[in-house]
N, C-alpha and C. Protein backbone atom coordinates (compact mmCIF):
# COMPACT_ATOMS: atom_id res chain seq x y z
N MET A 1 -23.10 -2.03 25.00
CA MET A 1 -21.89 -1.77 25.74
C MET A 1 -21.16 -0.60 25.09
N GLN A 2 -20.65 0.30 25.87
CA GLN A 2 -19.90 1.45 25.39
C GLN A 2 -18.44 1.28 25.77
N LEU A 3 -17.54 1.59 24.87
CA LEU A 3 -16.11 1.53 25.14
C LEU A 3 -15.49 2.86 24.73
N SER A 4 -14.46 3.24 25.42
CA SER A 4 -13.65 4.40 25.03
C SER A 4 -12.26 3.89 24.75
N ILE A 5 -11.70 4.35 23.66
CA ILE A 5 -10.34 3.94 23.30
C ILE A 5 -9.47 5.18 23.34
N ARG A 6 -8.45 5.14 24.17
CA ARG A 6 -7.53 6.27 24.31
C ARG A 6 -6.20 5.92 23.66
N GLY A 7 -5.47 6.95 23.32
CA GLY A 7 -4.12 6.74 22.82
C GLY A 7 -4.05 6.41 21.34
N VAL A 8 -5.08 6.75 20.59
CA VAL A 8 -5.07 6.50 19.14
C VAL A 8 -4.21 7.59 18.50
N ASP A 9 -3.09 7.18 17.90
CA ASP A 9 -2.22 8.17 17.28
C ASP A 9 -2.75 8.57 15.89
N GLU A 10 -2.13 9.58 15.32
CA GLU A 10 -2.58 10.13 14.04
C GLU A 10 -2.52 9.09 12.92
N LYS A 11 -1.46 8.30 12.89
CA LYS A 11 -1.29 7.29 11.84
C LYS A 11 -2.43 6.26 11.88
N LEU A 12 -2.77 5.79 13.08
CA LEU A 12 -3.87 4.84 13.22
C LEU A 12 -5.20 5.49 12.89
N SER A 13 -5.38 6.73 13.32
CA SER A 13 -6.62 7.45 13.02
C SER A 13 -6.84 7.58 11.52
N VAL A 14 -5.79 7.94 10.81
CA VAL A 14 -5.88 8.08 9.35
C VAL A 14 -6.20 6.72 8.71
N ALA A 15 -5.53 5.67 9.19
CA ALA A 15 -5.76 4.33 8.64
C ALA A 15 -7.19 3.87 8.89
N LEU A 16 -7.72 4.15 10.06
CA LEU A 16 -9.11 3.77 10.36
C LEU A 16 -10.09 4.53 9.48
N LYS A 17 -9.85 5.80 9.27
CA LYS A 17 -10.72 6.60 8.40
C LYS A 17 -10.65 6.10 6.96
N ARG A 18 -9.45 5.74 6.52
CA ARG A 18 -9.28 5.21 5.16
C ARG A 18 -10.02 3.89 5.01
N GLU A 19 -9.91 3.03 6.02
CA GLU A 19 -10.59 1.73 5.98
C GLU A 19 -12.11 1.92 6.01
N ALA A 20 -12.57 2.88 6.79
CA ALA A 20 -14.01 3.16 6.84
C ALA A 20 -14.51 3.62 5.47
N ALA A 21 -13.72 4.45 4.81
CA ALA A 21 -14.10 4.91 3.47
C ALA A 21 -14.11 3.75 2.49
N ARG A 22 -13.12 2.86 2.60
CA ARG A 22 -13.06 1.70 1.71
C ARG A 22 -14.27 0.81 1.91
N ARG A 23 -14.69 0.67 3.16
CA ARG A 23 -15.85 -0.17 3.46
C ARG A 23 -17.17 0.57 3.26
N ASP A 24 -17.08 1.87 3.01
CA ASP A 24 -18.24 2.73 2.81
C ASP A 24 -19.16 2.68 4.03
N THR A 25 -18.56 2.88 5.21
CA THR A 25 -19.31 2.87 6.46
C THR A 25 -18.65 3.84 7.45
N SER A 26 -19.23 3.98 8.62
CA SER A 26 -18.68 4.90 9.62
C SER A 26 -17.41 4.33 10.25
N VAL A 27 -16.63 5.21 10.86
CA VAL A 27 -15.43 4.77 11.56
C VAL A 27 -15.82 3.88 12.73
N ASN A 28 -16.88 4.23 13.45
CA ASN A 28 -17.34 3.42 14.58
C ASN A 28 -17.68 2.01 14.14
N LYS A 29 -18.48 1.89 13.08
CA LYS A 29 -18.86 0.56 12.59
C LYS A 29 -17.64 -0.20 12.09
N THR A 30 -16.72 0.50 11.45
CA THR A 30 -15.49 -0.13 10.96
C THR A 30 -14.69 -0.70 12.12
N ILE A 31 -14.54 0.07 13.20
CA ILE A 31 -13.79 -0.40 14.36
C ILE A 31 -14.46 -1.63 14.97
N ILE A 32 -15.78 -1.61 15.08
CA ILE A 32 -16.51 -2.76 15.61
C ILE A 32 -16.27 -3.99 14.74
N CYS A 33 -16.35 -3.82 13.41
CA CYS A 33 -16.12 -4.94 12.49
C CYS A 33 -14.69 -5.46 12.60
N LEU A 34 -13.72 -4.54 12.67
CA LEU A 34 -12.32 -4.95 12.77
C LEU A 34 -12.06 -5.71 14.06
N LEU A 35 -12.65 -5.26 15.16
CA LEU A 35 -12.50 -5.96 16.44
C LEU A 35 -13.12 -7.35 16.36
N ALA A 36 -14.32 -7.44 15.80
CA ALA A 36 -14.99 -8.74 15.67
C ALA A 36 -14.18 -9.69 14.79
N GLU A 37 -13.60 -9.17 13.70
CA GLU A 37 -12.76 -10.00 12.83
C GLU A 37 -11.51 -10.46 13.58
N ALA A 38 -10.91 -9.55 14.36
CA ALA A 38 -9.67 -9.86 15.07
C ALA A 38 -9.85 -10.94 16.13
N VAL A 39 -11.00 -10.96 16.81
CA VAL A 39 -11.21 -11.95 17.87
C VAL A 39 -11.96 -13.18 17.37
N GLY A 40 -12.28 -13.20 16.08
CA GLY A 40 -12.87 -14.39 15.48
C GLY A 40 -14.38 -14.53 15.61
N THR A 41 -15.08 -13.44 15.93
CA THR A 41 -16.54 -13.54 16.02
C THR A 41 -17.22 -13.12 14.72
N ALA A 42 -16.43 -12.73 13.74
CA ALA A 42 -16.96 -12.38 12.41
C ALA A 42 -15.91 -12.77 11.38
N PRO A 43 -16.36 -13.19 10.19
CA PRO A 43 -15.37 -13.53 9.15
C PRO A 43 -14.63 -12.28 8.69
N LYS A 44 -13.37 -12.45 8.36
CA LYS A 44 -12.58 -11.33 7.89
C LYS A 44 -13.07 -10.89 6.52
N GLN A 45 -13.15 -9.59 6.34
CA GLN A 45 -13.53 -9.03 5.05
C GLN A 45 -12.29 -9.06 4.16
N GLU A 46 -12.41 -9.73 3.04
CA GLU A 46 -11.27 -9.86 2.13
C GLU A 46 -10.95 -8.52 1.49
N ARG A 47 -9.67 -8.20 1.47
CA ARG A 47 -9.21 -6.99 0.79
C ARG A 47 -8.65 -7.39 -0.56
N PRO A 48 -8.97 -6.64 -1.59
CA PRO A 48 -8.40 -6.98 -2.90
C PRO A 48 -6.88 -6.81 -2.89
N ALA A 49 -6.22 -7.69 -3.60
CA ALA A 49 -4.76 -7.60 -3.70
C ALA A 49 -4.39 -6.34 -4.47
N VAL A 50 -3.40 -5.66 -3.99
CA VAL A 50 -2.93 -4.44 -4.64
C VAL A 50 -1.48 -4.65 -5.03
N HIS A 51 -1.20 -4.47 -6.29
CA HIS A 51 0.17 -4.59 -6.79
C HIS A 51 0.54 -3.26 -7.43
N HIS A 52 1.75 -2.83 -7.21
CA HIS A 52 2.16 -1.52 -7.70
C HIS A 52 3.26 -1.58 -8.75
N GLU A 53 3.68 -2.77 -9.13
CA GLU A 53 4.83 -2.88 -10.02
C GLU A 53 4.60 -2.16 -11.36
N LEU A 54 3.49 -2.44 -12.01
CA LEU A 54 3.22 -1.87 -13.32
C LEU A 54 1.91 -1.10 -13.37
N ASP A 55 1.34 -0.80 -12.20
CA ASP A 55 0.06 -0.12 -12.16
C ASP A 55 0.06 1.19 -12.94
N HIS A 56 1.16 1.90 -12.88
CA HIS A 56 1.22 3.20 -13.55
C HIS A 56 1.12 3.08 -15.07
N LEU A 57 1.32 1.89 -15.61
CA LEU A 57 1.23 1.67 -17.05
C LEU A 57 -0.15 1.17 -17.48
N SER A 58 -0.93 0.71 -16.55
CA SER A 58 -2.22 0.10 -16.86
C SER A 58 -3.16 1.10 -17.52
N GLY A 59 -3.61 0.74 -18.71
CA GLY A 59 -4.61 1.54 -19.39
C GLY A 59 -4.11 2.83 -20.01
N VAL A 60 -2.80 3.01 -20.16
CA VAL A 60 -2.32 4.28 -20.69
C VAL A 60 -2.03 4.23 -22.18
N TRP A 61 -2.03 3.06 -22.78
CA TRP A 61 -1.78 2.97 -24.21
C TRP A 61 -3.07 3.23 -24.99
N THR A 62 -2.91 3.95 -26.08
CA THR A 62 -4.03 4.11 -27.01
C THR A 62 -4.00 2.93 -27.98
N ALA A 63 -5.02 2.81 -28.80
CA ALA A 63 -5.05 1.74 -29.80
C ALA A 63 -3.88 1.91 -30.77
N ILE A 64 -3.52 3.14 -31.08
CA ILE A 64 -2.39 3.40 -31.98
C ILE A 64 -1.09 2.95 -31.32
N ASP A 65 -0.91 3.26 -30.02
CA ASP A 65 0.28 2.81 -29.29
C ASP A 65 0.40 1.28 -29.34
N ALA A 66 -0.71 0.60 -29.09
CA ALA A 66 -0.70 -0.87 -29.08
C ALA A 66 -0.36 -1.41 -30.46
N ALA A 67 -0.90 -0.80 -31.51
CA ALA A 67 -0.61 -1.25 -32.87
C ALA A 67 0.86 -1.04 -33.21
N GLU A 68 1.41 0.10 -32.82
CA GLU A 68 2.82 0.38 -33.08
C GLU A 68 3.72 -0.61 -32.33
N PHE A 69 3.37 -0.91 -31.08
CA PHE A 69 4.15 -1.87 -30.31
C PHE A 69 4.06 -3.25 -30.95
N GLY A 70 2.85 -3.64 -31.36
CA GLY A 70 2.67 -4.95 -32.01
C GLY A 70 3.51 -5.07 -33.27
N ALA A 71 3.55 -4.00 -34.06
CA ALA A 71 4.34 -4.01 -35.29
C ALA A 71 5.83 -4.09 -34.97
N ALA A 72 6.27 -3.35 -33.95
CA ALA A 72 7.69 -3.35 -33.58
C ALA A 72 8.11 -4.69 -32.99
N ALA A 73 7.20 -5.39 -32.32
CA ALA A 73 7.53 -6.66 -31.68
C ALA A 73 7.26 -7.86 -32.57
N ALA A 74 6.73 -7.65 -33.75
CA ALA A 74 6.37 -8.76 -34.65
C ALA A 74 7.58 -9.62 -34.99
N CYS A 75 8.75 -9.02 -35.08
CA CYS A 75 9.95 -9.77 -35.44
C CYS A 75 10.28 -10.84 -34.39
N PHE A 76 9.80 -10.68 -33.18
CA PHE A 76 10.06 -11.67 -32.13
C PHE A 76 9.23 -12.94 -32.33
N GLU A 77 8.26 -12.89 -33.20
CA GLU A 77 7.43 -14.05 -33.50
C GLU A 77 8.05 -14.93 -34.59
N GLU A 78 9.05 -14.40 -35.28
CA GLU A 78 9.68 -15.14 -36.36
C GLU A 78 10.67 -16.16 -35.79
N ILE A 79 10.70 -17.32 -36.40
CA ILE A 79 11.61 -18.39 -35.96
C ILE A 79 12.84 -18.36 -36.84
N ASP A 80 14.00 -18.31 -36.23
CA ASP A 80 15.27 -18.35 -36.94
C ASP A 80 15.66 -19.82 -37.09
N GLU A 81 15.43 -20.37 -38.28
CA GLU A 81 15.68 -21.79 -38.53
C GLU A 81 17.14 -22.16 -38.27
N GLU A 82 18.06 -21.27 -38.59
CA GLU A 82 19.48 -21.55 -38.38
C GLU A 82 19.80 -21.75 -36.90
N MET A 83 19.12 -21.02 -36.05
CA MET A 83 19.35 -21.10 -34.63
C MET A 83 18.92 -22.45 -34.04
N TRP A 84 17.99 -23.13 -34.71
CA TRP A 84 17.44 -24.39 -34.20
C TRP A 84 18.09 -25.62 -34.80
N ARG A 85 19.15 -25.46 -35.50
CA ARG A 85 19.83 -26.62 -36.09
C ARG A 85 20.90 -27.13 -35.21
C-alpha cells in the first residue's frame, strides 16, 4: 500500500529526520514504525530517559579535581559530638 502525507511542516520534518537518525534507519521506515506503534500493531520502542539538570557537569572532573573536592568536603564527614548532646 502506498500513502502520501501532505502538510508536513518543517518542525515535524526535522523531528522525523532526527528520530530516523536515532533509530539508525530511513525516514520512511521510521514513519511506518511510528504509525504502527501509535495504532498498537507494534510495541513502542523505548526511548532512553534524558535529563538535563546536571548533564553539563558529567565527566568533566579530572582525578585531581575529584581529589581536591574530596579533601575539601572531608570535614562534612566529621561528627560534632557537642551538636548531638
